[in-house]
Each structure stands twice: as C-alpha cells, then as structure tokens.
Amino acid sequence: MNLRNMVAALAAVVLVAACGSEPQVTVQGTTTISKGQELSDLQAALKAGAIDQNEYESLRQRILKRSN
C-alpha cells in the first residue's frame, strides 16, 4: 500500500470515527507491511492533517502493541 492509499484509508477511518461510531476494519488475506512502514505512513497522515495528534497517538499505540 503506497502512502497515498494509506492516507486515504486513514482519512476514511477518521470520517467514520467522526460519526460517533467505533471504526471496525476487517482485513482479509495477508499483508506484508511492516510496523515501521505503518508508523511512517501514520506520521505522514498526521503531517498531512488527515488525523489529529490524539488519533495519531491512539493508532500508534495499537500498532506498537501488536505482536507481528
């Protein structure tokens, strides 16, 4: 997933979260994105204004807590 797609996906999650519901994302299949890449994309989304600092910290903690 390239940076543009990741930012678009994060923006979609933000829009869903703004509706007052807890976002639920179901991924089917396998991915090969490393935690480092996810964190880099997350930082880019923050810098682009797609997410705010609180959302960044929440998503960052989720990524870091995962075992993979």
PDB file of N, CA and C in Angstrom:
ATOM      1  N   MET A   1       0.869  -1.172   0.000  1.00  0.00           N
ATOM      2  CA  MET A   1       0.000   0.000   0.000  1.00  0.00           C
ATOM      3  C   MET A   1       0.905   1.221   0.000  1.00  0.00           C
ATOM      4  N   ASN A   2       0.690   2.092  -0.942  1.00  0.00           N
ATOM      5  CA  ASN A   2       1.530   3.275  -1.001  1.00  0.00           C
ATOM      6  C   ASN A   2       1.019   4.343  -0.040  1.00  0.00           C
ATOM      7  N   LEU A   3       1.771   5.377   0.106  1.00  0.00           N
ATOM      8  CA  LEU A   3       1.459   6.440   1.067  1.00  0.00           C
ATOM      9  C   LEU A   3       0.114   7.087   0.760  1.00  0.00           C
ATOM     10  N   ARG A   4      -0.169   7.349  -0.486  1.00  0.00           N
ATOM     11  CA  ARG A   4      -1.434   7.995  -0.854  1.00  0.00           C
ATOM     12  C   ARG A   4      -2.622   7.120  -0.444  1.00  0.00           C
ATOM     13  N   ASN A   5      -2.520   5.803  -0.692  1.00  0.00           N
ATOM     14  CA  ASN A   5      -3.603   4.901  -0.300  1.00  0.00           C
ATOM     15  C   ASN A   5      -3.747   4.833   1.214  1.00  0.00           C
ATOM     16  N   MET A   6      -2.630   4.842   1.923  1.00  0.00           N
ATOM     17  CA  MET A   6      -2.680   4.780   3.384  1.00  0.00           C
ATOM     18  C   MET A   6      -3.320   6.038   3.949  1.00  0.00           C
ATOM     19  N   VAL A   7      -2.970   7.184   3.417  1.00  0.00           N
ATOM     20  CA  VAL A   7      -3.560   8.442   3.881  1.00  0.00           C
ATOM     21  C   VAL A   7      -5.060   8.443   3.583  1.00  0.00           C
ATOM     22  N   ALA A   8      -5.443   7.959   2.422  1.00  0.00           N
ATOM     23  CA  ALA A   8      -6.868   7.901   2.077  1.00  0.00           C
ATOM     24  C   ALA A   8      -7.609   6.951   3.011  1.00  0.00           C
ATOM     25  N   ALA A   9      -6.990   5.808   3.324  1.00  0.00           N
ATOM     26  CA  ALA A   9      -7.622   4.854   4.232  1.00  0.00           C
ATOM     27  C   ALA A   9      -7.752   5.453   5.627  1.00  0.00           C
ATOM     28  N   LEU A  10      -6.723   6.119   6.095  1.00  0.00           N
ATOM     29  CA  LEU A  10      -6.791   6.747   7.412  1.00  0.00           C
ATOM     30  C   LEU A  10      -7.828   7.862   7.439  1.00  0.00           C
ATOM     31  N   ALA A  11      -7.938   8.605   6.360  1.00  0.00           N
ATOM     32  CA  ALA A  11      -8.952   9.659   6.288  1.00  0.00           C
ATOM     33  C   ALA A  11     -10.348   9.051   6.357  1.00  0.00           C
ATOM     34  N   ALA A  12     -10.541   7.910   5.721  1.00  0.00           N
ATOM     35  CA  ALA A  12     -11.839   7.235   5.767  1.00  0.00           C
ATOM     36  C   ALA A  12     -12.159   6.787   7.186  1.00  0.00           C
ATOM     37  N   VAL A  13     -11.150   6.277   7.892  1.00  0.00           N
ATOM     38  CA  VAL A  13     -11.346   5.862   9.286  1.00  0.00           C
ATOM     39  C   VAL A  13     -11.711   7.072  10.138  1.00  0.00           C
ATOM     40  N   VAL A  14     -11.061   8.180   9.899  1.00  0.00           N
ATOM     41  CA  VAL A  14     -11.352   9.403  10.652  1.00  0.00           C
ATOM     42  C   VAL A  14     -12.785   9.833  10.407  1.00  0.00           C
ATOM     43  N   LEU A  15     -13.236   9.767   9.173  1.00  0.00           N
ATOM     44  CA  LEU A  15     -14.608  10.153   8.857  1.00  0.00           C
ATOM     45  C   LEU A  15     -15.607   9.245   9.553  1.00  0.00           C
ATOM     46  N   VAL A  16     -15.328   7.961   9.582  1.00  0.00           N
ATOM     47  CA  VAL A  16     -16.212   7.023  10.270  1.00  0.00           C
ATOM     48  C   VAL A  16     -16.198   7.313  11.763  1.00  0.00           C
ATOM     49  N   ALA A  17     -15.033   7.561  12.321  1.00  0.00           N
ATOM     50  CA  ALA A  17     -14.924   7.854  13.748  1.00  0.00           C
ATOM     51  C   ALA A  17     -15.656   9.143  14.101  1.00  0.00           C
ATOM     52  N   ALA A  18     -15.644  10.088  13.189  1.00  0.00           N
ATOM     53  CA  ALA A  18     -16.314  11.361  13.445  1.00  0.00           C
ATOM     54  C   ALA A  18     -17.824  11.200  13.534  1.00  0.00           C
ATOM     55  N   CYS A  19     -18.340  10.100  13.022  1.00  0.00           N
ATOM     56  CA  CYS A  19     -19.782   9.848  13.082  1.00  0.00           C
ATOM     57  C   CYS A  19     -20.198   9.336  14.455  1.00  0.00           C
ATOM     58  N   GLY A  20     -19.268   9.149  15.350  1.00  0.00           N
ATOM     59  CA  GLY A  20     -19.580   8.702  16.697  1.00  0.00           C
ATOM     60  C   GLY A  20     -19.569   7.205  16.878  1.00  0.00           C
ATOM     61  N   SER A  21     -19.157   6.478  15.862  1.00  0.00           N
ATOM     62  CA  SER A  21     -19.098   5.027  15.993  1.00  0.00           C
ATOM     63  C   SER A  21     -17.644   4.575  16.076  1.00  0.00           C
ATOM     64  N   GLU A  22     -17.462   3.445  16.692  1.00  0.00           N
ATOM     65  CA  GLU A  22     -16.126   2.856  16.795  1.00  0.00           C
ATOM     66  C   GLU A  22     -15.789   2.221  15.453  1.00  0.00           C
ATOM     67  N   PRO A  23     -14.712   2.641  14.786  1.00  0.00           N
ATOM     68  CA  PRO A  23     -14.394   2.063  13.487  1.00  0.00           C
ATOM     69  C   PRO A  23     -13.988   0.598  13.610  1.00  0.00           C
ATOM     70  N   GLN A  24     -14.503  -0.219  12.744  1.00  0.00           N
ATOM     71  CA  GLN A  24     -14.177  -1.643  12.702  1.00  0.00           C
ATOM     72  C   GLN A  24     -13.674  -1.933  11.305  1.00  0.00           C
ATOM     73  N   VAL A  25     -12.442  -2.373  11.201  1.00  0.00           N
ATOM     74  CA  VAL A  25     -11.857  -2.679   9.911  1.00  0.00           C
ATOM     75  C   VAL A  25     -11.572  -4.168   9.857  1.00  0.00           C
ATOM     76  N   THR A  26     -12.053  -4.815   8.827  1.00  0.00           N
ATOM     77  CA  THR A  26     -11.802  -6.236   8.634  1.00  0.00           C
ATOM     78  C   THR A  26     -10.888  -6.392   7.433  1.00  0.00           C
ATOM     79  N   VAL A  27      -9.770  -7.054   7.643  1.00  0.00           N
ATOM     80  CA  VAL A  27      -8.813  -7.280   6.570  1.00  0.00           C
ATOM     81  C   VAL A  27      -8.815  -8.758   6.244  1.00  0.00           C
ATOM     82  N   GLN A  28      -9.015  -9.070   4.985  1.00  0.00           N
ATOM     83  CA  GLN A  28      -8.978 -10.451   4.544  1.00  0.00           C
ATOM     84  C   GLN A  28      -7.707 -10.659   3.739  1.00  0.00           C
ATOM     85  N   GLY A  29      -7.094 -11.803   3.922  1.00  0.00           N
ATOM     86  CA  GLY A  29      -5.859 -12.084   3.216  1.00  0.00           C
ATOM     87  C   GLY A  29      -4.667 -11.725   4.084  1.00  0.00           C
ATOM     88  N   THR A  30      -3.532 -11.606   3.467  1.00  0.00           N
ATOM     89  CA  THR A  30      -2.322 -11.284   4.203  1.00  0.00           C
ATOM     90  C   THR A  30      -1.725  -9.987   3.685  1.00  0.00           C
ATOM     91  N   THR A  31      -0.976  -9.346   4.527  1.00  0.00           N
ATOM     92  CA  THR A  31      -0.274  -8.130   4.141  1.00  0.00           C
ATOM     93  C   THR A  31       1.199  -8.294   4.468  1.00  0.00           C
ATOM     94  N   THR A  32       2.012  -7.513   3.828  1.00  0.00           N
ATOM     95  CA  THR A  32       3.446  -7.571   4.082  1.00  0.00           C
ATOM     96  C   THR A  32       3.976  -6.215   4.525  1.00  0.00           C
ATOM     97  N   ILE A  33       3.095  -5.395   5.083  1.00  0.00           N
ATOM     98  CA  ILE A  33       3.511  -4.075   5.533  1.00  0.00           C
ATOM     99  C   ILE A  33       4.116  -4.200   6.929  1.00  0.00           C
ATOM    100  N   SER A  34       5.310  -3.682   7.098  1.00  0.00           N
ATOM    101  CA  SER A  34       5.980  -3.750   8.396  1.00  0.00           C
ATOM    102  C   SER A  34       5.424  -2.687   9.340  1.00  0.00           C
ATOM    103  N   LYS A  35       5.664  -2.896  10.625  1.00  0.00           N
ATOM    104  CA  LYS A  35       5.271  -1.889  11.609  1.00  0.00           C
ATOM    105  C   LYS A  35       5.954  -0.561  11.301  1.00  0.00           C
ATOM    106  N   GLY A  36       7.187  -0.625  10.893  1.00  0.00           N
ATOM    107  CA  GLY A  36       7.930   0.589  10.562  1.00  0.00           C
ATOM    108  C   GLY A  36       7.267   1.366   9.440  1.00  0.00           C
ATOM    109  N   GLN A  37       6.805   0.647   8.409  1.00  0.00           N
ATOM    110  CA  GLN A  37       6.113   1.303   7.300  1.00  0.00           C
ATOM    111  C   GLN A  37       4.799   1.900   7.764  1.00  0.00           C
ATOM    112  N   GLU A  38       4.056   1.155   8.598  1.00  0.00           N
ATOM    113  CA  GLU A  38       2.791   1.671   9.121  1.00  0.00           C
ATOM    114  C   GLU A  38       3.019   2.935   9.947  1.00  0.00           C
ATOM    115  N   LEU A  39       4.047   2.916  10.774  1.00  0.00           N
ATOM    116  CA  LEU A  39       4.338   4.086  11.603  1.00  0.00           C
ATOM    117  C   LEU A  39       4.760   5.277  10.741  1.00  0.00           C
ATOM    118  N   SER A  40       5.518   5.009   9.696  1.00  0.00           N
ATOM    119  CA  SER A  40       5.928   6.062   8.776  1.00  0.00           C
ATOM    120  C   SER A  40       4.713   6.657   8.059  1.00  0.00           C
ATOM    121  N   ASP A  41       3.825   5.804   7.592  1.00  0.00           N
ATOM    122  CA  ASP A  41       2.604   6.266   6.923  1.00  0.00           C
ATOM    123  C   ASP A  41       1.709   7.024   7.896  1.00  0.00           C
ATOM    124  N   LEU A  42       1.657   6.555   9.138  1.00  0.00           N
ATOM    125  CA  LEU A  42       0.856   7.232  10.154  1.00  0.00           C
ATOM    126  C   LEU A  42       1.395   8.637  10.414  1.00  0.00           C
ATOM    127  N   GLN A  43       2.710   8.759  10.496  1.00  0.00           N
ATOM    128  CA  GLN A  43       3.343  10.070  10.688  1.00  0.00           C
ATOM    129  C   GLN A  43       3.020  10.988   9.509  1.00  0.00           C
ATOM    130  N   ALA A  44       3.046  10.439   8.300  1.00  0.00           N
ATOM    131  CA  ALA A  44       2.729  11.231   7.112  1.00  0.00           C
ATOM    132  C   ALA A  44       1.270  11.698   7.150  1.00  0.00           C
ATOM    133  N   ALA A  45       0.378  10.838   7.620  1.00  0.00           N
ATOM    134  CA  ALA A  45      -1.034  11.218   7.720  1.00  0.00           C
ATOM    135  C   ALA A  45      -1.214  12.358   8.722  1.00  0.00           C
ATOM    136  N   LEU A  46      -0.458  12.308   9.811  1.00  0.00           N
ATOM    137  CA  LEU A  46      -0.513  13.375  10.805  1.00  0.00           C
ATOM    138  C   LEU A  46      -0.017  14.689  10.194  1.00  0.00           C
ATOM    139  N   LYS A  47       1.109  14.630   9.515  1.00  0.00           N
ATOM    140  CA  LYS A  47       1.676  15.836   8.898  1.00  0.00           C
ATOM    141  C   LYS A  47       0.774  16.400   7.812  1.00  0.00           C
ATOM    142  N   ALA A  48       0.033  15.521   7.114  1.00  0.00           N
ATOM    143  CA  ALA A  48      -0.866  15.961   6.048  1.00  0.00           C
ATOM    144  C   ALA A  48      -2.180  16.494   6.597  1.00  0.00           C
ATOM    145  N   GLY A  49      -2.396  16.330   7.905  1.00  0.00           N
ATOM    146  CA  GLY A  49      -3.631  16.817   8.503  1.00  0.00           C
ATOM    147  C   GLY A  49      -4.800  15.850   8.384  1.00  0.00           C
ATOM    148  N   ALA A  50      -4.532  14.622   7.941  1.00  0.00           N
ATOM    149  CA  ALA A  50      -5.599  13.625   7.798  1.00  0.00           C
ATOM    150  C   ALA A  50      -6.083  13.125   9.158  1.00  0.00           C
ATOM    151  N   ILE A  51      -5.206  13.176  10.157  1.00  0.00           N
ATOM    152  CA  ILE A  51      -5.559  12.791  11.517  1.00  0.00           C
ATOM    153  C   ILE A  51      -4.984  13.824  12.474  1.00  0.00           C
ATOM    154  N   ASP A  52      -5.552  13.886  13.686  1.00  0.00           N
ATOM    155  CA  ASP A  52      -5.013  14.818  14.676  1.00  0.00           C
ATOM    156  C   ASP A  52      -4.056  14.073  15.616  1.00  0.00           C
ATOM    157  N   GLN A  53      -3.441  14.802  16.524  1.00  0.00           N
ATOM    158  CA  GLN A  53      -2.427  14.230  17.415  1.00  0.00           C
ATOM    159  C   GLN A  53      -2.997  13.106  18.281  1.00  0.00           C
ATOM    160  N   ASN A  54      -4.223  13.264  18.784  1.00  0.00           N
ATOM    161  CA  ASN A  54      -4.828  12.214  19.615  1.00  0.00           C
ATOM    162  C   ASN A  54      -5.057  10.937  18.822  1.00  0.00           C
ATOM    163  N   GLU A  55      -5.553  11.078  17.594  1.00  0.00           N
ATOM    164  CA  GLU A  55      -5.759   9.905  16.740  1.00  0.00           C
ATOM    165  C   GLU A  55      -4.423   9.254  16.410  1.00  0.00           C
ATOM    166  N   TYR A  56      -3.427  10.073  16.147  1.00  0.00           N
ATOM    167  CA  TYR A  56      -2.087   9.558  15.862  1.00  0.00           C
ATOM    168  C   TYR A  56      -1.583   8.709  17.026  1.00  0.00           C
ATOM    169  N   GLU A  57      -1.668   9.251  18.236  1.00  0.00           N
ATOM    170  CA  GLU A  57      -1.168   8.518  19.408  1.00  0.00           C
ATOM    171  C   GLU A  57      -1.929   7.223  19.631  1.00  0.00           C
ATOM    172  N   SER A  58      -3.249   7.261  19.461  1.00  0.00           N
ATOM    173  CA  SER A  58      -4.070   6.069  19.648  1.00  0.00           C
ATOM    174  C   SER A  58      -3.693   4.984  18.637  1.00  0.00           C
ATOM    175  N   LEU A  59      -3.612   5.365  17.359  1.00  0.00           N
ATOM    176  CA  LEU A  59      -3.253   4.400  16.323  1.00  0.00           C
ATOM    177  C   LEU A  59      -1.819   3.907  16.485  1.00  0.00           C
ATOM    178  N   ARG A  60      -0.921   4.795  16.883  1.00  0.00           N
ATOM    179  CA  ARG A  60       0.481   4.423  17.108  1.00  0.00           C
ATOM    180  C   ARG A  60       0.589   3.362  18.192  1.00  0.00           C
ATOM    181  N   GLN A  61      -0.150   3.551  19.286  1.00  0.00           N
ATOM    182  CA  GLN A  61      -0.124   2.570  20.376  1.00  0.00           C
ATOM    183  C   GLN A  61      -0.676   1.227  19.920  1.00  0.00           C
ATOM    184  N   ARG A  62      -1.733   1.233  19.120  1.00  0.00           N
ATOM    185  CA  ARG A  62      -2.288  -0.023  18.595  1.00  0.00           C
ATOM    186  C   ARG A  62      -1.250  -0.760  17.768  1.00  0.00           C
ATOM    187  N   ILE A  63      -0.565  -0.029  16.911  1.00  0.00           N
ATOM    188  CA  ILE A  63       0.450  -0.650  16.055  1.00  0.00           C
ATOM    189  C   ILE A  63       1.578  -1.232  16.905  1.00  0.00           C
ATOM    190  N   LEU A  64       2.053  -0.472  17.878  1.00  0.00           N
ATOM    191  CA  LEU A  64       3.180  -0.926  18.697  1.00  0.00           C
ATOM    192  C   LEU A  64       2.826  -2.121  19.583  1.00  0.00           C
ATOM    193  N   LYS A  65       1.564  -2.236  19.990  1.00  0.00           N
ATOM    194  CA  LYS A  65       1.151  -3.322  20.875  1.00  0.00           C
ATOM    195  C   LYS A  65       0.949  -4.644  20.142  1.00  0.00           C
ATOM    196  N   ARG A  66       0.777  -4.592  18.823  1.00  0.00           N
ATOM    197  CA  ARG A  66       0.565  -5.828  18.055  1.00  0.00           C
ATOM    198  C   ARG A  66       1.793  -6.714  18.113  1.00  0.00           C
ATOM    199  N   SER A  67       1.566  -8.007  18.075  1.00  0.00           N
ATOM    200  CA  SER A  67       2.680  -8.955  18.176  1.00  0.00           C
ATOM    201  C   SER A  67       3.442  -9.123  16.861  1.00  0.00           C
ATOM    202  N   ASN A  68       2.829  -8.813  15.743  1.00  0.00           N
ATOM    203  CA  ASN A  68       3.508  -9.042  14.469  1.00  0.00           C
ATOM    204  C   ASN A  68       4.404  -7.922  14.069  1.00  0.00           C
TER     205      ASN A  68
END
